[in-house]
Amino acid sequence: MSRYYVRMTDKFMSGWGVSEGKRNVLVVACDTWEQAAAIEKAAHDRSDMQRVEICLKPPRERSGVLYSRKHFSDFAGDWLAYYRGEAA
């Protein structure tokens, strides 16, 4: 099964708390293209998310970046507004 990753910079969470001095990047693992496309569209609707993209590989660890890793099944509400699959 293919896996897709939606990567985005979380402007709100970057630079403070556990992300102090770092950029916080949210990475959402999705099992299908439809899930990834829905998360991508929802992220574009949010003012706190920047640099949104769908990737085929998870990002590699980088200095100065804190990765918050989630799975599609962890999301609800507005995040699923564009999803029309079985779990909606």
PDB file of N, CA and C in Angstrom:
ATOM      1  N   MET A   1       0.849  -1.181   0.000  1.00  0.00           N
ATOM      2  CA  MET A   1       0.000   0.000   0.000  1.00  0.00           C
ATOM      3  C   MET A   1       0.894   1.244   0.000  1.00  0.00           C
ATOM      4  N   SER A   2       0.551   2.170  -0.834  1.00  0.00           N
ATOM      5  CA  SER A   2       1.282   3.436  -0.887  1.00  0.00           C
ATOM      6  C   SER A   2       0.942   4.276   0.332  1.00  0.00           C
ATOM      7  N   ARG A   3       1.864   5.073   0.724  1.00  0.00           N
ATOM      8  CA  ARG A   3       1.631   6.000   1.815  1.00  0.00           C
ATOM      9  C   ARG A   3       2.003   7.383   1.326  1.00  0.00           C
ATOM     10  N   TYR A   4       1.216   8.360   1.739  1.00  0.00           N
ATOM     11  CA  TYR A   4       1.449   9.756   1.377  1.00  0.00           C
ATOM     12  C   TYR A   4       1.638  10.550   2.652  1.00  0.00           C
ATOM     13  N   TYR A   5       2.390  11.627   2.553  1.00  0.00           N
ATOM     14  CA  TYR A   5       2.669  12.486   3.693  1.00  0.00           C
ATOM     15  C   TYR A   5       2.327  13.918   3.312  1.00  0.00           C
ATOM     16  N   VAL A   6       1.562  14.573   4.170  1.00  0.00           N
ATOM     17  CA  VAL A   6       1.268  15.983   3.965  1.00  0.00           C
ATOM     18  C   VAL A   6       2.118  16.737   4.972  1.00  0.00           C
ATOM     19  N   ARG A   7       2.975  17.584   4.456  1.00  0.00           N
ATOM     20  CA  ARG A   7       3.931  18.326   5.277  1.00  0.00           C
ATOM     21  C   ARG A   7       3.544  19.789   5.262  1.00  0.00           C
ATOM     22  N   MET A   8       3.587  20.435   6.436  1.00  0.00           N
ATOM     23  CA  MET A   8       3.238  21.852   6.516  1.00  0.00           C
ATOM     24  C   MET A   8       3.938  22.491   7.712  1.00  0.00           C
ATOM     25  N   THR A   9       4.295  23.749   7.578  1.00  0.00           N
ATOM     26  CA  THR A   9       4.883  24.499   8.684  1.00  0.00           C
ATOM     27  C   THR A   9       3.756  25.085   9.511  1.00  0.00           C
ATOM     28  N   ASP A  10       3.780  24.805  10.799  1.00  0.00           N
ATOM     29  CA  ASP A  10       2.772  25.319  11.721  1.00  0.00           C
ATOM     30  C   ASP A  10       3.297  26.630  12.300  1.00  0.00           C
ATOM     31  N   LYS A  11       2.847  27.722  11.732  1.00  0.00           N
ATOM     32  CA  LYS A  11       3.320  29.059  12.131  1.00  0.00           C
ATOM     33  C   LYS A  11       2.997  29.349  13.596  1.00  0.00           C
ATOM     34  N   PHE A  12       1.835  28.901  14.069  1.00  0.00           N
ATOM     35  CA  PHE A  12       1.429  29.180  15.439  1.00  0.00           C
ATOM     36  C   PHE A  12       2.322  28.467  16.462  1.00  0.00           C
ATOM     37  N   MET A  13       2.656  27.209  16.202  1.00  0.00           N
ATOM     38  CA  MET A  13       3.417  26.420  17.171  1.00  0.00           C
ATOM     39  C   MET A  13       4.933  26.618  17.069  1.00  0.00           C
ATOM     40  N   SER A  14       5.399  27.275  16.034  1.00  0.00           N
ATOM     41  CA  SER A  14       6.840  27.469  15.842  1.00  0.00           C
ATOM     42  C   SER A  14       7.387  28.543  16.773  1.00  0.00           C
ATOM     43  N   GLY A  15       8.598  28.281  17.305  1.00  0.00           N
ATOM     44  CA  GLY A  15       9.323  29.306  18.036  1.00  0.00           C
ATOM     45  C   GLY A  15       9.062  29.410  19.531  1.00  0.00           C
ATOM     46  N   TRP A  16       8.194  28.573  20.098  1.00  0.00           N
ATOM     47  CA  TRP A  16       7.944  28.651  21.537  1.00  0.00           C
ATOM     48  C   TRP A  16       7.643  27.259  22.088  1.00  0.00           C
ATOM     49  N   GLY A  17       7.622  27.131  23.410  1.00  0.00           N
ATOM     50  CA  GLY A  17       7.389  25.828  24.040  1.00  0.00           C
ATOM     51  C   GLY A  17       8.468  24.840  23.638  1.00  0.00           C
ATOM     52  N   VAL A  18       8.066  23.619  23.304  1.00  0.00           N
ATOM     53  CA  VAL A  18       9.055  22.618  22.884  1.00  0.00           C
ATOM     54  C   VAL A  18       9.688  22.971  21.553  1.00  0.00           C
ATOM     55  N   SER A  19       9.110  23.920  20.835  1.00  0.00           N
ATOM     56  CA  SER A  19       9.649  24.374  19.545  1.00  0.00           C
ATOM     57  C   SER A  19      10.485  25.641  19.678  1.00  0.00           C
ATOM     58  N   GLU A  20      10.824  26.040  20.895  1.00  0.00           N
ATOM     59  CA  GLU A  20      11.565  27.286  21.077  1.00  0.00           C
ATOM     60  C   GLU A  20      12.854  27.264  20.256  1.00  0.00           C
ATOM     61  N   GLY A  21      13.013  28.283  19.418  1.00  0.00           N
ATOM     62  CA  GLY A  21      14.184  28.375  18.562  1.00  0.00           C
ATOM     63  C   GLY A  21      14.121  27.470  17.344  1.00  0.00           C
ATOM     64  N   LYS A  22      12.984  26.839  17.115  1.00  0.00           N
ATOM     65  CA  LYS A  22      12.852  25.909  15.993  1.00  0.00           C
ATOM     66  C   LYS A  22      11.579  26.198  15.207  1.00  0.00           C
ATOM     67  N   ARG A  23      11.533  25.637  14.024  1.00  0.00           N
ATOM     68  CA  ARG A  23      10.328  25.684  13.198  1.00  0.00           C
ATOM     69  C   ARG A  23       9.572  24.383  13.453  1.00  0.00           C
ATOM     70  N   ASN A  24       8.271  24.474  13.692  1.00  0.00           N
ATOM     71  CA  ASN A  24       7.443  23.290  13.929  1.00  0.00           C
ATOM     72  C   ASN A  24       6.801  22.870  12.610  1.00  0.00           C
ATOM     73  N   VAL A  25       7.077  21.648  12.201  1.00  0.00           N
ATOM     74  CA  VAL A  25       6.532  21.115  10.952  1.00  0.00           C
ATOM     75  C   VAL A  25       5.621  19.945  11.293  1.00  0.00           C
ATOM     76  N   LEU A  26       4.374  20.057  10.874  1.00  0.00           N
ATOM     77  CA  LEU A  26       3.395  18.993  11.060  1.00  0.00           C
ATOM     78  C   LEU A  26       3.456  18.071   9.848  1.00  0.00           C
ATOM     79  N   VAL A  27       3.591  16.776  10.104  1.00  0.00           N
ATOM     80  CA  VAL A  27       3.622  15.770   9.040  1.00  0.00           C
ATOM     81  C   VAL A  27       2.480  14.796   9.302  1.00  0.00           C
ATOM     82  N   VAL A  28       1.552  14.707   8.350  1.00  0.00           N
ATOM     83  CA  VAL A  28       0.395  13.838   8.486  1.00  0.00           C
ATOM     84  C   VAL A  28       0.545  12.664   7.521  1.00  0.00           C
ATOM     85  N   ALA A  29       0.650  11.450   8.059  1.00  0.00           N
ATOM     86  CA  ALA A  29       0.717  10.246   7.230  1.00  0.00           C
ATOM     87  C   ALA A  29      -0.697   9.880   6.803  1.00  0.00           C
ATOM     88  N   CYS A  30      -0.863   9.600   5.520  1.00  0.00           N
ATOM     89  CA  CYS A  30      -2.169   9.250   4.957  1.00  0.00           C
ATOM     90  C   CYS A  30      -2.042   7.944   4.185  1.00  0.00           C
ATOM     91  N   ASP A  31      -3.076   7.124   4.237  1.00  0.00           N
ATOM     92  CA  ASP A  31      -3.060   5.826   3.565  1.00  0.00           C
ATOM     93  C   ASP A  31      -3.467   5.908   2.100  1.00  0.00           C
ATOM     94  N   THR A  32      -4.197   6.956   1.726  1.00  0.00           N
ATOM     95  CA  THR A  32      -4.670   7.092   0.347  1.00  0.00           C
ATOM     96  C   THR A  32      -4.427   8.513  -0.157  1.00  0.00           C
ATOM     97  N   TRP A  33      -4.431   8.645  -1.480  1.00  0.00           N
ATOM     98  CA  TRP A  33      -4.302   9.964  -2.081  1.00  0.00           C
ATOM     99  C   TRP A  33      -5.473  10.856  -1.675  1.00  0.00           C
ATOM    100  N   GLU A  34      -6.665  10.296  -1.575  1.00  0.00           N
ATOM    101  CA  GLU A  34      -7.848  11.076  -1.207  1.00  0.00           C
ATOM    102  C   GLU A  34      -7.698  11.678   0.189  1.00  0.00           C
ATOM    103  N   GLN A  35      -7.152  10.907   1.123  1.00  0.00           N
ATOM    104  CA  GLN A  35      -6.910  11.433   2.469  1.00  0.00           C
ATOM    105  C   GLN A  35      -5.899  12.577   2.413  1.00  0.00           C
ATOM    106  N   ALA A  36      -4.810  12.366   1.691  1.00  0.00           N
ATOM    107  CA  ALA A  36      -3.763  13.397   1.601  1.00  0.00           C
ATOM    108  C   ALA A  36      -4.304  14.669   0.954  1.00  0.00           C
ATOM    109  N   ALA A  37      -5.085  14.527  -0.103  1.00  0.00           N
ATOM    110  CA  ALA A  37      -5.648  15.703  -0.775  1.00  0.00           C
ATOM    111  C   ALA A  37      -6.595  16.458   0.152  1.00  0.00           C
ATOM    112  N   ALA A  38      -7.368  15.730   0.959  1.00  0.00           N
ATOM    113  CA  ALA A  38      -8.300  16.373   1.896  1.00  0.00           C
ATOM    114  C   ALA A  38      -7.541  17.157   2.968  1.00  0.00           C
ATOM    115  N   ILE A  39      -6.480  16.576   3.519  1.00  0.00           N
ATOM    116  CA  ILE A  39      -5.675  17.265   4.531  1.00  0.00           C
ATOM    117  C   ILE A  39      -4.987  18.477   3.919  1.00  0.00           C
ATOM    118  N   GLU A  40      -4.485  18.332   2.702  1.00  0.00           N
ATOM    119  CA  GLU A  40      -3.830  19.461   2.027  1.00  0.00           C
ATOM    120  C   GLU A  40      -4.809  20.627   1.844  1.00  0.00           C
ATOM    121  N   LYS A  41      -5.993  20.340   1.366  1.00  0.00           N
ATOM    122  CA  LYS A  41      -6.986  21.402   1.161  1.00  0.00           C
ATOM    123  C   LYS A  41      -7.374  22.059   2.482  1.00  0.00           C
ATOM    124  N   ALA A  42      -7.572  21.260   3.519  1.00  0.00           N
ATOM    125  CA  ALA A  42      -7.939  21.807   4.830  1.00  0.00           C
ATOM    126  C   ALA A  42      -6.812  22.677   5.383  1.00  0.00           C
ATOM    127  N   ALA A  43      -5.563  22.264   5.186  1.00  0.00           N
ATOM    128  CA  ALA A  43      -4.419  23.045   5.673  1.00  0.00           C
ATOM    129  C   ALA A  43      -4.353  24.401   4.975  1.00  0.00           C
ATOM    130  N   HIS A  44      -4.677  24.429   3.682  1.00  0.00           N
ATOM    131  CA  HIS A  44      -4.669  25.698   2.951  1.00  0.00           C
ATOM    132  C   HIS A  44      -5.752  26.650   3.467  1.00  0.00           C
ATOM    133  N   ASP A  45      -6.787  26.121   4.092  1.00  0.00           N
ATOM    134  CA  ASP A  45      -7.846  26.956   4.671  1.00  0.00           C
ATOM    135  C   ASP A  45      -7.435  27.602   5.996  1.00  0.00           C
ATOM    136  N   ARG A  46      -6.348  27.133   6.575  1.00  0.00           N
ATOM    137  CA  ARG A  46      -5.920  27.602   7.898  1.00  0.00           C
ATOM    138  C   ARG A  46      -4.808  28.636   7.758  1.00  0.00           C
ATOM    139  N   SER A  47      -4.950  29.751   8.450  1.00  0.00           N
ATOM    140  CA  SER A  47      -3.948  30.817   8.368  1.00  0.00           C
ATOM    141  C   SER A  47      -2.649  30.455   9.099  1.00  0.00           C
ATOM    142  N   ASP A  48      -2.688  29.467  10.002  1.00  0.00           N
ATOM    143  CA  ASP A  48      -1.497  29.096  10.761  1.00  0.00           C
ATOM    144  C   ASP A  48      -0.624  28.066  10.045  1.00  0.00           C
ATOM    145  N   MET A  49      -1.055  27.567   8.888  1.00  0.00           N
ATOM    146  CA  MET A  49      -0.283  26.568   8.147  1.00  0.00           C
ATOM    147  C   MET A  49       0.307  27.187   6.883  1.00  0.00           C
ATOM    148  N   GLN A  50       1.592  26.952   6.673  1.00  0.00           N
ATOM    149  CA  GLN A  50       2.308  27.476   5.508  1.00  0.00           C
ATOM    150  C   GLN A  50       3.095  26.349   4.853  1.00  0.00           C
ATOM    151  N   ARG A  51       3.521  26.567   3.633  1.00  0.00           N
ATOM    152  CA  ARG A  51       4.364  25.604   2.903  1.00  0.00           C
ATOM    153  C   ARG A  51       3.741  24.210   2.907  1.00  0.00           C
ATOM    154  N   VAL A  52       2.508  24.106   2.509  1.00  0.00           N
ATOM    155  CA  VAL A  52       1.775  22.836   2.518  1.00  0.00           C
ATOM    156  C   VAL A  52       2.098  22.062   1.250  1.00  0.00           C
ATOM    157  N   GLU A  53       2.458  20.782   1.411  1.00  0.00           N
ATOM    158  CA  GLU A  53       2.744  19.958   0.243  1.00  0.00           C
ATOM    159  C   GLU A  53       2.515  18.483   0.550  1.00  0.00           C
ATOM    160  N   ILE A  54       2.172  17.736  -0.496  1.00  0.00           N
ATOM    161  CA  ILE A  54       2.033  16.288  -0.387  1.00  0.00           C
ATOM    162  C   ILE A  54       3.340  15.668  -0.868  1.00  0.00           C
ATOM    163  N   CYS A  55       3.867  14.730  -0.077  1.00  0.00           N
ATOM    164  CA  CYS A  55       5.127  14.069  -0.399  1.00  0.00           C
ATOM    165  C   CYS A  55       4.927  12.554  -0.418  1.00  0.00           C
ATOM    166  N   LEU A  56       5.811  11.859  -1.123  1.00  0.00           N
ATOM    167  CA  LEU A  56       5.761  10.401  -1.153  1.00  0.00           C
ATOM    168  C   LEU A  56       6.660   9.775  -0.096  1.00  0.00           C
ATOM    169  N   LYS A  57       7.550  10.568   0.482  1.00  0.00           N
ATOM    170  CA  LYS A  57       8.455  10.080   1.526  1.00  0.00           C
ATOM    171  C   LYS A  57       8.362  11.005   2.727  1.00  0.00           C
ATOM    172  N   PRO A  58       8.518  10.462   3.926  1.00  0.00           N
ATOM    173  CA  PRO A  58       8.504  11.349   5.104  1.00  0.00           C
ATOM    174  C   PRO A  58       9.755  12.220   5.103  1.00  0.00           C
ATOM    175  N   PRO A  59       9.665  13.417   5.657  1.00  0.00           N
ATOM    176  CA  PRO A  59      10.848  14.291   5.688  1.00  0.00           C
ATOM    177  C   PRO A  59      11.927  13.722   6.601  1.00  0.00           C
ATOM    178  N   ARG A  60      13.169  14.002   6.239  1.00  0.00           N
ATOM    179  CA  ARG A  60      14.303  13.588   7.069  1.00  0.00           C
ATOM    180  C   ARG A  60      14.506  14.601   8.183  1.00  0.00           C
ATOM    181  N   GLU A  61      14.996  14.136   9.301  1.00  0.00           N
ATOM    182  CA  GLU A  61      15.275  15.024  10.430  1.00  0.00           C
ATOM    183  C   GLU A  61      16.272  16.086  10.000  1.00  0.00           C
ATOM    184  N   ARG A  62      16.007  17.327  10.443  1.00  0.00           N
ATOM    185  CA  ARG A  62      16.879  18.452  10.124  1.00  0.00           C
ATOM    186  C   ARG A  62      17.095  19.284  11.374  1.00  0.00           C
ATOM    187  N   SER A  63      18.243  19.891  11.463  1.00  0.00           N
ATOM    188  CA  SER A  63      18.558  20.777  12.565  1.00  0.00           C
ATOM    189  C   SER A  63      17.643  21.997  12.513  1.00  0.00           C
ATOM    190  N   GLY A  64      17.136  22.414  13.656  1.00  0.00           N
ATOM    191  CA  GLY A  64      16.297  23.599  13.727  1.00  0.00           C
ATOM    192  C   GLY A  64      14.839  23.353  13.385  1.00  0.00           C
ATOM    193  N   VAL A  65      14.465  22.072  13.218  1.00  0.00           N
ATOM    194  CA  VAL A  65      13.085  21.734  12.875  1.00  0.00           C
ATOM    195  C   VAL A  65      12.573  20.693  13.866  1.00  0.00           C
ATOM    196  N   LEU A  66      11.408  20.948  14.436  1.00  0.00           N
ATOM    197  CA  LEU A  66      10.730  19.971  15.287  1.00  0.00           C
ATOM    198  C   LEU A  66       9.575  19.401  14.480  1.00  0.00           C
ATOM    199  N   TYR A  67       9.572  18.092  14.262  1.00  0.00           N
ATOM    200  CA  TYR A  67       8.514  17.444  13.493  1.00  0.00           C
ATOM    201  C   TYR A  67       7.443  16.903  14.427  1.00  0.00           C
ATOM    202  N   SER A  68       6.213  17.281  14.165  1.00  0.00           N
ATOM    203  CA  SER A  68       5.059  16.722  14.864  1.00  0.00           C
ATOM    204  C   SER A  68       4.433  15.731  13.893  1.00  0.00           C
ATOM    205  N   ARG A  69       4.478  14.459  14.221  1.00  0.00           N
ATOM    206  CA  ARG A  69       4.009  13.410  13.307  1.00  0.00           C
ATOM    207  C   ARG A  69       2.656  12.877  13.755  1.00  0.00           C
ATOM    208  N   LYS A  70       1.724  12.878  12.822  1.00  0.00           N
ATOM    209  CA  LYS A  70       0.360  12.408  13.087  1.00  0.00           C
ATOM    210  C   LYS A  70      -0.081  11.493  11.948  1.00  0.00           C
ATOM    211  N   HIS A  71      -1.196  10.806  12.167  1.00  0.00           N
ATOM    212  CA  HIS A  71      -1.813   9.986  11.126  1.00  0.00           C
ATOM    213  C   HIS A  71      -3.176  10.584  10.806  1.00  0.00           C
ATOM    214  N   PHE A  72      -3.643  10.364   9.603  1.00  0.00           N
ATOM    215  CA  PHE A  72      -4.943  10.872   9.169  1.00  0.00           C
ATOM    216  C   PHE A  72      -6.039  10.551  10.183  1.00  0.00           C
ATOM    217  N   SER A  73      -5.997   9.366  10.770  1.00  0.00           N
ATOM    218  CA  SER A  73      -7.029   8.943  11.725  1.00  0.00           C
ATOM    219  C   SER A  73      -7.035   9.764  13.012  1.00  0.00           C
ATOM    220  N   ASP A  74      -5.989  10.558  13.258  1.00  0.00           N
ATOM    221  CA  ASP A  74      -5.922  11.422  14.445  1.00  0.00           C
ATOM    222  C   ASP A  74      -6.737  12.701  14.284  1.00  0.00           C
ATOM    223  N   PHE A  75      -7.231  12.978  13.072  1.00  0.00           N
ATOM    224  CA  PHE A  75      -7.888  14.246  12.786  1.00  0.00           C
ATOM    225  C   PHE A  75      -9.403  14.117  12.737  1.00  0.00           C
ATOM    226  N   ALA A  76     -10.059  15.235  13.041  1.00  0.00           N
ATOM    227  CA  ALA A  76     -11.529  15.312  13.014  1.00  0.00           C
ATOM    228  C   ALA A  76     -11.922  16.743  12.675  1.00  0.00           C
ATOM    229  N   GLY A  77     -13.209  16.990  12.668  1.00  0.00           N
ATOM    230  CA  GLY A  77     -13.717  18.349  12.481  1.00  0.00           C
ATOM    231  C   GLY A  77     -13.352  18.958  11.144  1.00  0.00           C
ATOM    232  N   ASP A  78     -12.908  20.223  11.177  1.00  0.00           N
ATOM    233  CA  ASP A  78     -12.592  20.972   9.960  1.00  0.00           C
ATOM    234  C   ASP A  78     -11.508  20.309   9.117  1.00  0.00           C
ATOM    235  N   TRP A  79     -10.629  19.556   9.756  1.00  0.00           N
ATOM    236  CA  TRP A  79      -9.575  18.879   9.005  1.00  0.00           C
ATOM    237  C   TRP A  79     -10.148  17.880   7.997  1.00  0.00           C
ATOM    238  N   LEU A  80     -11.338  17.357   8.258  1.00  0.00           N
ATOM    239  CA  LEU A  80     -11.931  16.366   7.373  1.00  0.00           C
ATOM    240  C   LEU A  80     -13.017  16.941   6.463  1.00  0.00           C
ATOM    241  N   ALA A  81     -13.120  18.239   6.395  1.00  0.00           N
ATOM    242  CA  ALA A  81     -14.181  18.904   5.611  1.00  0.00           C
ATOM    243  C   ALA A  81     -14.149  18.501   4.141  1.00  0.00           C
ATOM    244  N   TYR A  82     -12.975  18.181   3.613  1.00  0.00           N
ATOM    245  CA  TYR A  82     -12.865  17.857   2.191  1.00  0.00           C
ATOM    246  C   TYR A  82     -12.795  16.353   1.937  1.00  0.00           C
ATOM    247  N   TYR A  83     -12.847  15.557   2.977  1.00  0.00           N
ATOM    248  CA  TYR A  83     -12.722  14.101   2.813  1.00  0.00           C
ATOM    249  C   TYR A  83     -14.098  13.487   2.586  1.00  0.00           C
ATOM    250  N   ARG A  84     -14.214  12.691   1.548  1.00  0.00           N
ATOM    251  CA  ARG A  84     -15.487  12.047   1.208  1.00  0.00           C
ATOM    252  C   ARG A  84     -15.383  10.534   1.244  1.00  0.00           C
ATOM    253  N   GLY A  85     -14.381  10.001   1.917  1.00  0.00           N
ATOM    254  CA  GLY A  85     -14.175   8.551   1.980  1.00  0.00           C
ATOM    255  C   GLY A  85     -15.051   7.893   3.027  1.00  0.00           C
ATOM    256  N   GLU A  86     -14.750   6.633   3.324  1.00  0.00           N
ATOM    257  CA  GLU A  86     -15.552   5.836   4.246  1.00  0.00           C
ATOM    258  C   GLU A  86     -15.588   6.377   5.668  1.00  0.00           C
ATOM    259  N   ALA A  87     -14.524   7.014   6.119  1.00  0.00           N
ATOM    260  CA  ALA A  87     -14.429   7.457   7.516  1.00  0.00           C
ATOM    261  C   ALA A  87     -15.120   8.803   7.766  1.00  0.00           C
ATOM    262  N   ALA A  88     -15.603   9.447   6.732  1.00  0.00           N
ATOM    263  CA  ALA A  88     -16.180  10.788   6.910  1.00  0.00           C
ATOM    264  C   ALA A  88     -17.528  10.722   7.588  1.00  0.00           C
TER     265      ALA A  88
END
